[in-house]
Amino acid sequence: MAGDSSSRGNSGPRPADPARQPSGADIGWGITGTMLSGIIVWGGVGLLLDRWWGTSFVALIGVLLGLTVAIYLVVVKYGAVPPAEGARGTGSSQAGRRRPTRTQKGQR
């Protein structure tokens, strides 16, 4: 049976490809996980401090702190989008089309 695994293809882990770009779903799940974990972890810390100190406002501060730190981490990690290869930045509009040249009124 051990010899049969080679006939089905490479069943081992895939080799790491450093040039592989993450898909949009990968980035979306990364952002979602960062946001949720920041809120849950720091909200939980605030809730524990609320119970320990006998207060009722530290959990809200923890949730807001977690949300703030998570937004900061998302901006740091995913904020800058690298420009596409071969893209020219001069003389084009936002959609990539050339702008019409400006002429005097009545001339085309």
PDB file of N, CA and C in Angstrom:
ATOM      1  N   MET A   1       0.802  -1.205   0.000  1.00  0.00           N
ATOM      2  CA  MET A   1       0.000   0.000   0.000  1.00  0.00           C
ATOM      3  C   MET A   1       0.843   1.266   0.000  1.00  0.00           C
ATOM      4  N   ALA A   2       2.038   1.193   0.547  1.00  0.00           N
ATOM      5  CA  ALA A   2       2.878   2.383   0.583  1.00  0.00           C
ATOM      6  C   ALA A   2       3.297   2.794  -0.817  1.00  0.00           C
ATOM      7  N   GLY A   3       3.429   1.816  -1.714  1.00  0.00           N
ATOM      8  CA  GLY A   3       3.819   2.133  -3.075  1.00  0.00           C
ATOM      9  C   GLY A   3       2.693   2.767  -3.874  1.00  0.00           C
ATOM     10  N   ASP A   4       1.443   2.605  -3.443  1.00  0.00           N
ATOM     11  CA  ASP A   4       0.311   3.164  -4.172  1.00  0.00           C
ATOM     12  C   ASP A   4       0.222   4.686  -4.056  1.00  0.00           C
ATOM     13  N   SER A   5       0.772   5.253  -2.993  1.00  0.00           N
ATOM     14  CA  SER A   5       0.638   6.699  -2.806  1.00  0.00           C
ATOM     15  C   SER A   5       1.388   7.478  -3.872  1.00  0.00           C
ATOM     16  N   SER A   6       2.473   6.898  -4.426  1.00  0.00           N
ATOM     17  CA  SER A   6       3.204   7.624  -5.461  1.00  0.00           C
ATOM     18  C   SER A   6       2.449   7.622  -6.787  1.00  0.00           C
ATOM     19  N   SER A   7       1.552   6.649  -7.006  1.00  0.00           N
ATOM     20  CA  SER A   7       0.812   6.611  -8.258  1.00  0.00           C
ATOM     21  C   SER A   7      -0.299   7.661  -8.303  1.00  0.00           C
ATOM     22  N   ARG A   8      -0.709   8.170  -7.159  1.00  0.00           N
ATOM     23  CA  ARG A   8      -1.770   9.184  -7.116  1.00  0.00           C
ATOM     24  C   ARG A   8      -1.219  10.591  -7.210  1.00  0.00           C
ATOM     25  N   GLY A   9       0.055  10.738  -7.287  1.00  0.00           N
ATOM     26  CA  GLY A   9       0.631  12.078  -7.360  1.00  0.00           C
ATOM     27  C   GLY A   9       1.356  12.420  -6.082  1.00  0.00           C
ATOM     28  N   ASN A  10       1.815  13.619  -5.999  1.00  0.00           N
ATOM     29  CA  ASN A  10       2.556  14.067  -4.829  1.00  0.00           C
ATOM     30  C   ASN A  10       1.575  14.407  -3.717  1.00  0.00           C
ATOM     31  N   SER A  11       1.529  13.572  -2.692  1.00  0.00           N
ATOM     32  CA  SER A  11       0.590  13.805  -1.603  1.00  0.00           C
ATOM     33  C   SER A  11       1.227  14.568  -0.457  1.00  0.00           C
ATOM     34  N   GLY A  12       2.492  14.941  -0.601  1.00  0.00           N
ATOM     35  CA  GLY A  12       3.181  15.691   0.444  1.00  0.00           C
ATOM     36  C   GLY A  12       2.789  17.157   0.412  1.00  0.00           C
ATOM     37  N   PRO A  13       3.356  17.935   1.306  1.00  0.00           N
ATOM     38  CA  PRO A  13       3.049  19.368   1.319  1.00  0.00           C
ATOM     39  C   PRO A  13       3.582  20.048   0.071  1.00  0.00           C
ATOM     40  N   ARG A  14       2.876  21.076  -0.342  1.00  0.00           N
ATOM     41  CA  ARG A  14       3.285  21.821  -1.516  1.00  0.00           C
ATOM     42  C   ARG A  14       4.528  22.644  -1.198  1.00  0.00           C
ATOM     43  N   PRO A  15       5.424  22.800  -2.150  1.00  0.00           N
ATOM     44  CA  PRO A  15       6.608  23.629  -1.891  1.00  0.00           C
ATOM     45  C   PRO A  15       6.198  25.094  -1.766  1.00  0.00           C
ATOM     46  N   ALA A  16       6.921  25.803  -0.929  1.00  0.00           N
ATOM     47  CA  ALA A  16       6.628  27.229  -0.736  1.00  0.00           C
ATOM     48  C   ALA A  16       7.049  28.001  -1.967  1.00  0.00           C
ATOM     49  N   ASP A  17       6.147  28.803  -2.489  1.00  0.00           N
ATOM     50  CA  ASP A  17       6.428  29.619  -3.666  1.00  0.00           C
ATOM     51  C   ASP A  17       6.409  31.081  -3.228  1.00  0.00           C
ATOM     52  N   PRO A  18       7.574  31.713  -3.065  1.00  0.00           N
ATOM     53  CA  PRO A  18       7.586  33.085  -2.553  1.00  0.00           C
ATOM     54  C   PRO A  18       6.965  34.098  -3.506  1.00  0.00           C
ATOM     55  N   ALA A  19       6.829  33.776  -4.795  1.00  0.00           N
ATOM     56  CA  ALA A  19       6.275  34.723  -5.746  1.00  0.00           C
ATOM     57  C   ALA A  19       4.751  34.685  -5.790  1.00  0.00           C
ATOM     58  N   ARG A  20       4.126  33.768  -5.075  1.00  0.00           N
ATOM     59  CA  ARG A  20       2.670  33.624  -5.111  1.00  0.00           C
ATOM     60  C   ARG A  20       2.006  34.787  -4.372  1.00  0.00           C
ATOM     61  N   GLN A  21       1.093  35.458  -5.033  1.00  0.00           N
ATOM     62  CA  GLN A  21       0.340  36.556  -4.435  1.00  0.00           C
ATOM     63  C   GLN A  21      -0.922  35.997  -3.791  1.00  0.00           C
ATOM     64  N   PRO A  22      -1.308  36.501  -2.621  1.00  0.00           N
ATOM     65  CA  PRO A  22      -2.538  36.011  -1.990  1.00  0.00           C
ATOM     66  C   PRO A  22      -3.769  36.437  -2.788  1.00  0.00           C
ATOM     67  N   SER A  23      -4.789  35.601  -2.751  1.00  0.00           N
ATOM     68  CA  SER A  23      -6.025  35.935  -3.459  1.00  0.00           C
ATOM     69  C   SER A  23      -6.819  36.947  -2.637  1.00  0.00           C
ATOM     70  N   GLY A  24      -7.872  37.462  -3.233  1.00  0.00           N
ATOM     71  CA  GLY A  24      -8.717  38.412  -2.528  1.00  0.00           C
ATOM     72  C   GLY A  24      -9.400  37.799  -1.323  1.00  0.00           C
ATOM     73  N   ALA A  25      -9.761  36.520  -1.428  1.00  0.00           N
ATOM     74  CA  ALA A  25     -10.389  35.834  -0.301  1.00  0.00           C
ATOM     75  C   ALA A  25      -9.400  35.665   0.842  1.00  0.00           C
ATOM     76  N   ASP A  26      -8.136  35.366   0.520  1.00  0.00           N
ATOM     77  CA  ASP A  26      -7.117  35.237   1.567  1.00  0.00           C
ATOM     78  C   ASP A  26      -6.947  36.541   2.329  1.00  0.00           C
ATOM     79  N   ILE A  27      -6.908  37.634   1.600  1.00  0.00           N
ATOM     80  CA  ILE A  27      -6.751  38.937   2.240  1.00  0.00           C
ATOM     81  C   ILE A  27      -7.983  39.274   3.071  1.00  0.00           C
ATOM     82  N   GLY A  28      -9.167  38.987   2.540  1.00  0.00           N
ATOM     83  CA  GLY A  28     -10.407  39.256   3.276  1.00  0.00           C
ATOM     84  C   GLY A  28     -10.492  38.475   4.572  1.00  0.00           C
ATOM     85  N   TRP A  29     -10.136  37.184   4.517  1.00  0.00           N
ATOM     86  CA  TRP A  29     -10.162  36.377   5.739  1.00  0.00           C
ATOM     87  C   TRP A  29      -9.093  36.829   6.729  1.00  0.00           C
ATOM     88  N   GLY A  30      -7.952  37.289   6.221  1.00  0.00           N
ATOM     89  CA  GLY A  30      -6.919  37.808   7.111  1.00  0.00           C
ATOM     90  C   GLY A  30      -7.375  39.059   7.839  1.00  0.00           C
ATOM     91  N   ILE A  31      -8.032  39.955   7.115  1.00  0.00           N
ATOM     92  CA  ILE A  31      -8.551  41.174   7.738  1.00  0.00           C
ATOM     93  C   ILE A  31      -9.650  40.840   8.746  1.00  0.00           C
ATOM     94  N   THR A  32     -10.556  39.937   8.367  1.00  0.00           N
ATOM     95  CA  THR A  32     -11.640  39.545   9.273  1.00  0.00           C
ATOM     96  C   THR A  32     -11.097  38.921  10.553  1.00  0.00           C
ATOM     97  N   GLY A  33     -10.126  38.041  10.398  1.00  0.00           N
ATOM     98  CA  GLY A  33      -9.534  37.396  11.574  1.00  0.00           C
ATOM     99  C   GLY A  33      -8.827  38.381  12.478  1.00  0.00           C
ATOM    100  N   THR A  34      -8.125  39.335  11.889  1.00  0.00           N
ATOM    101  CA  THR A  34      -7.430  40.339  12.691  1.00  0.00           C
ATOM    102  C   THR A  34      -8.418  41.208  13.456  1.00  0.00           C
ATOM    103  N   MET A  35      -9.483  41.626  12.792  1.00  0.00           N
ATOM    104  CA  MET A  35     -10.477  42.478  13.453  1.00  0.00           C
ATOM    105  C   MET A  35     -11.180  41.736  14.589  1.00  0.00           C
ATOM    106  N   LEU A  36     -11.632  40.518  14.303  1.00  0.00           N
ATOM    107  CA  LEU A  36     -12.349  39.756  15.330  1.00  0.00           C
ATOM    108  C   LEU A  36     -11.449  39.402  16.509  1.00  0.00           C
ATOM    109  N   SER A  37     -10.222  38.987  16.222  1.00  0.00           N
ATOM    110  CA  SER A  37      -9.350  38.600  17.325  1.00  0.00           C
ATOM    111  C   SER A  37      -8.987  39.798  18.195  1.00  0.00           C
ATOM    112  N   GLY A  38      -8.799  40.969  17.594  1.00  0.00           N
ATOM    113  CA  GLY A  38      -8.513  42.155  18.402  1.00  0.00           C
ATOM    114  C   GLY A  38      -9.667  42.505  19.321  1.00  0.00           C
ATOM    115  N   ILE A  39     -10.878  42.454  18.783  1.00  0.00           N
ATOM    116  CA  ILE A  39     -12.056  42.778  19.589  1.00  0.00           C
ATOM    117  C   ILE A  39     -12.256  41.742  20.691  1.00  0.00           C
ATOM    118  N   ILE A  40     -12.132  40.465  20.346  1.00  0.00           N
ATOM    119  CA  ILE A  40     -12.383  39.397  21.327  1.00  0.00           C
ATOM    120  C   ILE A  40     -11.325  39.386  22.420  1.00  0.00           C
ATOM    121  N   VAL A  41     -10.052  39.488  22.035  1.00  0.00           N
ATOM    122  CA  VAL A  41      -8.972  39.409  23.036  1.00  0.00           C
ATOM    123  C   VAL A  41      -9.013  40.601  23.972  1.00  0.00           C
ATOM    124  N   TRP A  42      -9.030  41.807  23.430  1.00  0.00           N
ATOM    125  CA  TRP A  42      -9.004  42.977  24.302  1.00  0.00           C
ATOM    126  C   TRP A  42     -10.328  43.206  25.016  1.00  0.00           C
ATOM    127  N   GLY A  43     -11.437  42.820  24.381  1.00  0.00           N
ATOM    128  CA  GLY A  43     -12.715  42.861  25.099  1.00  0.00           C
ATOM    129  C   GLY A  43     -12.731  41.870  26.251  1.00  0.00           C
ATOM    130  N   GLY A  44     -12.132  40.691  26.044  1.00  0.00           N
ATOM    131  CA  GLY A  44     -12.029  39.700  27.125  1.00  0.00           C
ATOM    132  C   GLY A  44     -11.156  40.190  28.266  1.00  0.00           C
ATOM    133  N   VAL A  45     -10.059  40.856  27.933  1.00  0.00           N
ATOM    134  CA  VAL A  45      -9.205  41.428  28.983  1.00  0.00           C
ATOM    135  C   VAL A  45      -9.982  42.479  29.760  1.00  0.00           C
ATOM    136  N   GLY A  46     -10.720  43.312  29.050  1.00  0.00           N
ATOM    137  CA  GLY A  46     -11.533  44.321  29.736  1.00  0.00           C
ATOM    138  C   GLY A  46     -12.613  43.704  30.605  1.00  0.00           C
ATOM    139  N   LEU A  47     -13.228  42.616  30.122  1.00  0.00           N
ATOM    140  CA  LEU A  47     -14.251  41.935  30.909  1.00  0.00           C
ATOM    141  C   LEU A  47     -13.669  41.329  32.181  1.00  0.00           C
ATOM    142  N   LEU A  48     -12.494  40.719  32.068  1.00  0.00           N
ATOM    143  CA  LEU A  48     -11.835  40.168  33.264  1.00  0.00           C
ATOM    144  C   LEU A  48     -11.465  41.265  34.254  1.00  0.00           C
ATOM    145  N   LEU A  49     -10.972  42.391  33.750  1.00  0.00           N
ATOM    146  CA  LEU A  49     -10.668  43.501  34.651  1.00  0.00           C
ATOM    147  C   LEU A  49     -11.935  44.070  35.282  1.00  0.00           C
ATOM    148  N   ASP A  50     -13.040  44.100  34.536  1.00  0.00           N
ATOM    149  CA  ASP A  50     -14.325  44.535  35.104  1.00  0.00           C
ATOM    150  C   ASP A  50     -14.730  43.656  36.277  1.00  0.00           C
ATOM    151  N   ARG A  51     -14.628  42.359  36.114  1.00  0.00           N
ATOM    152  CA  ARG A  51     -15.031  41.445  37.192  1.00  0.00           C
ATOM    153  C   ARG A  51     -14.093  41.541  38.394  1.00  0.00           C
ATOM    154  N   TRP A  52     -12.803  41.736  38.107  1.00  0.00           N
ATOM    155  CA  TRP A  52     -11.835  41.812  39.186  1.00  0.00           C
ATOM    156  C   TRP A  52     -11.990  43.103  39.976  1.00  0.00           C
ATOM    157  N   TRP A  53     -12.184  44.224  39.259  1.00  0.00           N
ATOM    158  CA  TRP A  53     -12.287  45.512  39.920  1.00  0.00           C
ATOM    159  C   TRP A  53     -13.716  45.869  40.324  1.00  0.00           C
ATOM    160  N   GLY A  54     -14.726  45.133  39.869  1.00  0.00           N
ATOM    161  CA  GLY A  54     -16.112  45.422  40.205  1.00  0.00           C
ATOM    162  C   GLY A  54     -16.677  46.617  39.450  1.00  0.00           C
ATOM    163  N   THR A  55     -16.171  46.871  38.261  1.00  0.00           N
ATOM    164  CA  THR A  55     -16.658  47.995  37.456  1.00  0.00           C
ATOM    165  C   THR A  55     -17.483  47.463  36.287  1.00  0.00           C
ATOM    166  N   SER A  56     -17.987  48.383  35.468  1.00  0.00           N
ATOM    167  CA  SER A  56     -18.783  47.944  34.323  1.00  0.00           C
ATOM    168  C   SER A  56     -18.432  48.684  33.035  1.00  0.00           C
ATOM    169  N   PHE A  57     -17.314  49.392  32.996  1.00  0.00           N
ATOM    170  CA  PHE A  57     -16.982  50.166  31.806  1.00  0.00           C
ATOM    171  C   PHE A  57     -15.667  49.744  31.152  1.00  0.00           C
ATOM    172  N   VAL A  58     -14.869  48.938  31.803  1.00  0.00           N
ATOM    173  CA  VAL A  58     -13.555  48.585  31.269  1.00  0.00           C
ATOM    174  C   VAL A  58     -13.693  47.645  30.070  1.00  0.00           C
ATOM    175  N   ALA A  59     -14.734  46.830  30.032  1.00  0.00           N
ATOM    176  CA  ALA A  59     -14.937  45.939  28.886  1.00  0.00           C
ATOM    177  C   ALA A  59     -15.164  46.749  27.610  1.00  0.00           C
ATOM    178  N   LEU A  60     -15.908  47.820  27.700  1.00  0.00           N
ATOM    179  CA  LEU A  60     -16.129  48.691  26.541  1.00  0.00           C
ATOM    180  C   LEU A  60     -14.820  49.335  26.092  1.00  0.00           C
ATOM    181  N   ILE A  61     -14.015  49.766  27.056  1.00  0.00           N
ATOM    182  CA  ILE A  61     -12.716  50.334  26.722  1.00  0.00           C
ATOM    183  C   ILE A  61     -11.833  49.283  26.058  1.00  0.00           C
ATOM    184  N   GLY A  62     -11.888  48.041  26.541  1.00  0.00           N
ATOM    185  CA  GLY A  62     -11.115  46.960  25.942  1.00  0.00           C
ATOM    186  C   GLY A  62     -11.543  46.663  24.515  1.00  0.00           C
ATOM    187  N   VAL A  63     -12.855  46.661  24.263  1.00  0.00           N
ATOM    188  CA  VAL A  63     -13.361  46.422  22.906  1.00  0.00           C
ATOM    189  C   VAL A  63     -12.908  47.543  21.970  1.00  0.00           C
ATOM    190  N   LEU A  64     -13.025  48.784  22.420  1.00  0.00           N
ATOM    191  CA  LEU A  64     -12.601  49.915  21.590  1.00  0.00           C
ATOM    192  C   LEU A  64     -11.095  49.909  21.361  1.00  0.00           C
ATOM    193  N   LEU A  65     -10.330  49.562  22.378  1.00  0.00           N
ATOM    194  CA  LEU A  65      -8.880  49.464  22.225  1.00  0.00           C
ATOM    195  C   LEU A  65      -8.525  48.345  21.239  1.00  0.00           C
ATOM    196  N   GLY A  66      -9.188  47.195  21.366  1.00  0.00           N
ATOM    197  CA  GLY A  66      -8.936  46.095  20.443  1.00  0.00           C
ATOM    198  C   GLY A  66      -9.292  46.438  19.017  1.00  0.00           C
ATOM    199  N   LEU A  67     -10.397  47.138  18.814  1.00  0.00           N
ATOM    200  CA  LEU A  67     -10.803  47.559  17.480  1.00  0.00           C
ATOM    201  C   LEU A  67      -9.795  48.542  16.890  1.00  0.00           C
ATOM    202  N   THR A  68      -9.335  49.478  17.708  1.00  0.00           N
ATOM    203  CA  THR A  68      -8.360  50.473  17.249  1.00  0.00           C
ATOM    204  C   THR A  68      -7.045  49.811  16.856  1.00  0.00           C
ATOM    205  N   VAL A  69      -6.551  48.919  17.701  1.00  0.00           N
ATOM    206  CA  VAL A  69      -5.287  48.238  17.401  1.00  0.00           C
ATOM    207  C   VAL A  69      -5.445  47.340  16.173  1.00  0.00           C
ATOM    208  N   ALA A  70      -6.590  46.689  16.027  1.00  0.00           N
ATOM    209  CA  ALA A  70      -6.819  45.824  14.869  1.00  0.00           C
ATOM    210  C   ALA A  70      -6.863  46.633  13.578  1.00  0.00           C
ATOM    211  N   ILE A  71      -7.507  47.790  13.597  1.00  0.00           N
ATOM    212  CA  ILE A  71      -7.541  48.645  12.411  1.00  0.00           C
ATOM    213  C   ILE A  71      -6.131  49.104  12.063  1.00  0.00           C
ATOM    214  N   TYR A  72      -5.353  49.479  13.071  1.00  0.00           N
ATOM    215  CA  TYR A  72      -3.976  49.886  12.830  1.00  0.00           C
ATOM    216  C   TYR A  72      -3.177  48.747  12.191  1.00  0.00           C
ATOM    217  N   LEU A  73      -3.313  47.534  12.710  1.00  0.00           N
ATOM    218  CA  LEU A  73      -2.581  46.398  12.161  1.00  0.00           C
ATOM    219  C   LEU A  73      -3.006  46.082  10.730  1.00  0.00           C
ATOM    220  N   VAL A  74      -4.292  46.202  10.434  1.00  0.00           N
ATOM    221  CA  VAL A  74      -4.772  45.956   9.074  1.00  0.00           C
ATOM    222  C   VAL A  74      -4.198  46.988   8.115  1.00  0.00           C
ATOM    223  N   VAL A  75      -4.166  48.253   8.525  1.00  0.00           N
ATOM    224  CA  VAL A  75      -3.627  49.301   7.660  1.00  0.00           C
ATOM    225  C   VAL A  75      -2.133  49.082   7.441  1.00  0.00           C
ATOM    226  N   VAL A  76      -1.413  48.700   8.476  1.00  0.00           N
ATOM    227  CA  VAL A  76       0.021  48.464   8.336  1.00  0.00           C
ATOM    228  C   VAL A  76       0.281  47.277   7.421  1.00  0.00           C
ATOM    229  N   LYS A  77      -0.484  46.207   7.581  1.00  0.00           N
ATOM    230  CA  LYS A  77      -0.217  44.994   6.815  1.00  0.00           C
ATOM    231  C   LYS A  77      -0.767  45.051   5.392  1.00  0.00           C
ATOM    232  N   TYR A  78      -1.970  45.553   5.208  1.00  0.00           N
ATOM    233  CA  TYR A  78      -2.633  45.504   3.911  1.00  0.00           C
ATOM    234  C   TYR A  78      -2.846  46.868   3.264  1.00  0.00           C
ATOM    235  N   GLY A  79      -2.375  47.934   3.877  1.00  0.00           N
ATOM    236  CA  GLY A  79      -2.707  49.276   3.419  1.00  0.00           C
ATOM    237  C   GLY A  79      -2.185  49.638   2.055  1.00  0.00           C
ATOM    238  N   ALA A  80      -0.924  49.410   1.779  1.00  0.00           N
ATOM    239  CA  ALA A  80      -0.333  49.827   0.514  1.00  0.00           C
ATOM    240  C   ALA A  80      -0.482  48.722  -0.522  1.00  0.00           C
ATOM    241  N   VAL A  81      -1.034  49.075  -1.664  1.00  0.00           N
ATOM    242  CA  VAL A  81      -1.176  48.132  -2.765  1.00  0.00           C
ATOM    243  C   VAL A  81      -0.038  48.409  -3.736  1.00  0.00           C
ATOM    244  N   PRO A  82       0.783  47.406  -4.037  1.00  0.00           N
ATOM    245  CA  PRO A  82       1.888  47.663  -4.965  1.00  0.00           C
ATOM    246  C   PRO A  82       1.357  47.953  -6.362  1.00  0.00           C
ATOM    247  N   PRO A  83       2.000  48.862  -7.097  1.00  0.00           N
ATOM    248  CA  PRO A  83       1.525  49.175  -8.455  1.00  0.00           C
ATOM    249  C   PRO A  83       1.716  47.983  -9.379  1.00  0.00           C
ATOM    250  N   ALA A  84       0.851  47.877 -10.359  1.00  0.00           N
ATOM    251  CA  ALA A  84       0.939  46.784 -11.318  1.00  0.00           C
ATOM    252  C   ALA A  84       2.175  46.970 -12.184  1.00  0.00           C
ATOM    253  N   GLU A  85       2.770  45.846 -12.596  1.00  0.00           N
ATOM    254  CA  GLU A  85       3.962  45.923 -13.427  1.00  0.00           C
ATOM    255  C   GLU A  85       3.610  46.497 -14.796  1.00  0.00           C
ATOM    256  N   GLY A  86       4.425  47.406 -15.281  1.00  0.00           N
ATOM    257  CA  GLY A  86       4.209  47.992 -16.592  1.00  0.00           C
ATOM    258  C   GLY A  86       3.180  49.105 -16.618  1.00  0.00           C
ATOM    259  N   ALA A  87       2.649  49.489 -15.470  1.00  0.00           N
ATOM    260  CA  ALA A  87       1.644  50.554 -15.440  1.00  0.00           C
ATOM    261  C   ALA A  87       2.339  51.901 -15.532  1.00  0.00           C
ATOM    262  N   ARG A  88       1.802  52.767 -16.370  1.00  0.00           N
ATOM    263  CA  ARG A  88       2.337  54.114 -16.497  1.00  0.00           C
ATOM    264  C   ARG A  88       1.451  55.056 -15.713  1.00  0.00           C
ATOM    265  N   GLY A  89       2.073  55.979 -15.010  1.00  0.00           N
ATOM    266  CA  GLY A  89       1.300  56.903 -14.205  1.00  0.00           C
ATOM    267  C   GLY A  89       1.127  58.266 -14.810  1.00  0.00           C
ATOM    268  N   THR A  90       1.719  58.538 -15.971  1.00  0.00           N
ATOM    269  CA  THR A  90       1.650  59.883 -16.539  1.00  0.00           C
ATOM    270  C   THR A  90       0.637  59.938 -17.659  1.00  0.00           C
ATOM    271  N   GLY A  91      -0.192  60.950 -17.636  1.00  0.00           N
ATOM    272  CA  GLY A  91      -1.112  61.202 -18.723  1.00  0.00           C
ATOM    273  C   GLY A  91      -2.299  60.283 -18.814  1.00  0.00           C
ATOM    274  N   SER A  92      -2.647  59.591 -17.795  1.00  0.00           N
ATOM    275  CA  SER A  92      -3.807  58.705 -17.884  1.00  0.00           C
ATOM    276  C   SER A  92      -4.785  59.042 -16.768  1.00  0.00           C
ATOM    277  N   SER A  93      -6.034  58.742 -17.002  1.00  0.00           N
ATOM    278  CA  SER A  93      -7.052  58.978 -15.995  1.00  0.00           C
ATOM    279  C   SER A  93      -7.066  57.810 -15.020  1.00  0.00           C
ATOM    280  N   GLN A  94      -7.997  57.812 -14.090  1.00  0.00           N
ATOM    281  CA  GLN A  94      -8.064  56.745 -13.099  1.00  0.00           C
ATOM    282  C   GLN A  94      -8.409  55.411 -13.721  1.00  0.00           C
ATOM    283  N   ALA A  95      -9.116  55.399 -14.806  1.00  0.00           N
ATOM    284  CA  ALA A  95      -9.501  54.146 -15.452  1.00  0.00           C
ATOM    285  C   ALA A  95      -8.425  53.644 -16.401  1.00  0.00           C
ATOM    286  N   GLY A  96      -7.330  54.384 -16.552  1.00  0.00           N
ATOM    287  CA  GLY A  96      -6.254  53.944 -17.411  1.00  0.00           C
ATOM    288  C   GLY A  96      -6.357  54.441 -18.839  1.00  0.00           C
ATOM    289  N   ARG A  97      -7.404  55.196 -19.154  1.00  0.00           N
ATOM    290  CA  ARG A  97      -7.556  55.730 -20.510  1.00  0.00           C
ATOM    291  C   ARG A  97      -6.880  57.085 -20.602  1.00  0.00           C
ATOM    292  N   ARG A  98      -6.418  57.413 -21.766  1.00  0.00           N
ATOM    293  CA  ARG A  98      -5.781  58.704 -21.984  1.00  0.00           C
ATOM    294  C   ARG A  98      -6.818  59.816 -21.929  1.00  0.00           C
ATOM    295  N   ARG A  99      -6.430  60.924 -21.362  1.00  0.00           N
ATOM    296  CA  ARG A  99      -7.323  62.080 -21.319  1.00  0.00           C
ATOM    297  C   ARG A  99      -7.329  62.754 -22.686  1.00  0.00           C
ATOM    298  N   PRO A 100      -8.486  63.249 -23.127  1.00  0.00           N
ATOM    299  CA  PRO A 100      -8.494  63.989 -24.394  1.00  0.00           C
ATOM    300  C   PRO A 100      -7.720  65.292 -24.229  1.00  0.00           C
ATOM    301  N   THR A 101      -7.042  65.667 -25.273  1.00  0.00           N
ATOM    302  CA  THR A 101      -6.290  66.919 -25.201  1.00  0.00           C
ATOM    303  C   THR A 101      -7.254  68.095 -25.191  1.00  0.00           C
ATOM    304  N   ARG A 102      -6.893  69.113 -24.472  1.00  0.00           N
ATOM    305  CA  ARG A 102      -7.752  70.294 -24.374  1.00  0.00           C
ATOM    306  C   ARG A 102      -7.502  71.193 -25.581  1.00  0.00           C
ATOM    307  N   THR A 103      -8.579  71.638 -26.180  1.00  0.00           N
ATOM    308  CA  THR A 103      -8.481  72.540 -27.330  1.00  0.00           C
ATOM    309  C   THR A 103      -9.262  73.801 -27.034  1.00  0.00           C
ATOM    310  N   GLN A 104      -9.112  74.774 -27.910  1.00  0.00           N
ATOM    311  CA  GLN A 104      -9.880  75.994 -27.742  1.00  0.00           C
ATOM    312  C   GLN A 104     -11.337  75.716 -28.048  1.00  0.00           C
ATOM    313  N   LYS A 105     -12.199  76.557 -27.539  1.00  0.00           N
ATOM    314  CA  LYS A 105     -13.626  76.353 -27.703  1.00  0.00           C
ATOM    315  C   LYS A 105     -14.009  76.374 -29.183  1.00  0.00           C
ATOM    316  N   GLY A 106     -14.736  75.374 -29.607  1.00  0.00           N
ATOM    317  CA  GLY A 106     -15.193  75.299 -30.979  1.00  0.00           C
ATOM    318  C   GLY A 106     -14.285  74.489 -31.874  1.00  0.00           C
ATOM    319  N   GLN A 107     -13.103  74.160 -31.433  1.00  0.00           N
ATOM    320  CA  GLN A 107     -12.184  73.359 -32.257  1.00  0.00           C
ATOM    321  C   GLN A 107     -12.128  71.933 -31.722  1.00  0.00           C
ATOM    322  N   ARG A 108     -11.940  71.002 -32.625  1.00  0.00           N
ATOM    323  CA  ARG A 108     -11.817  69.618 -32.199  1.00  0.00           C
ATOM    324  C   ARG A 108     -10.626  69.001 -32.795  1.00  0.00           C
TER     325      ARG A 108
END
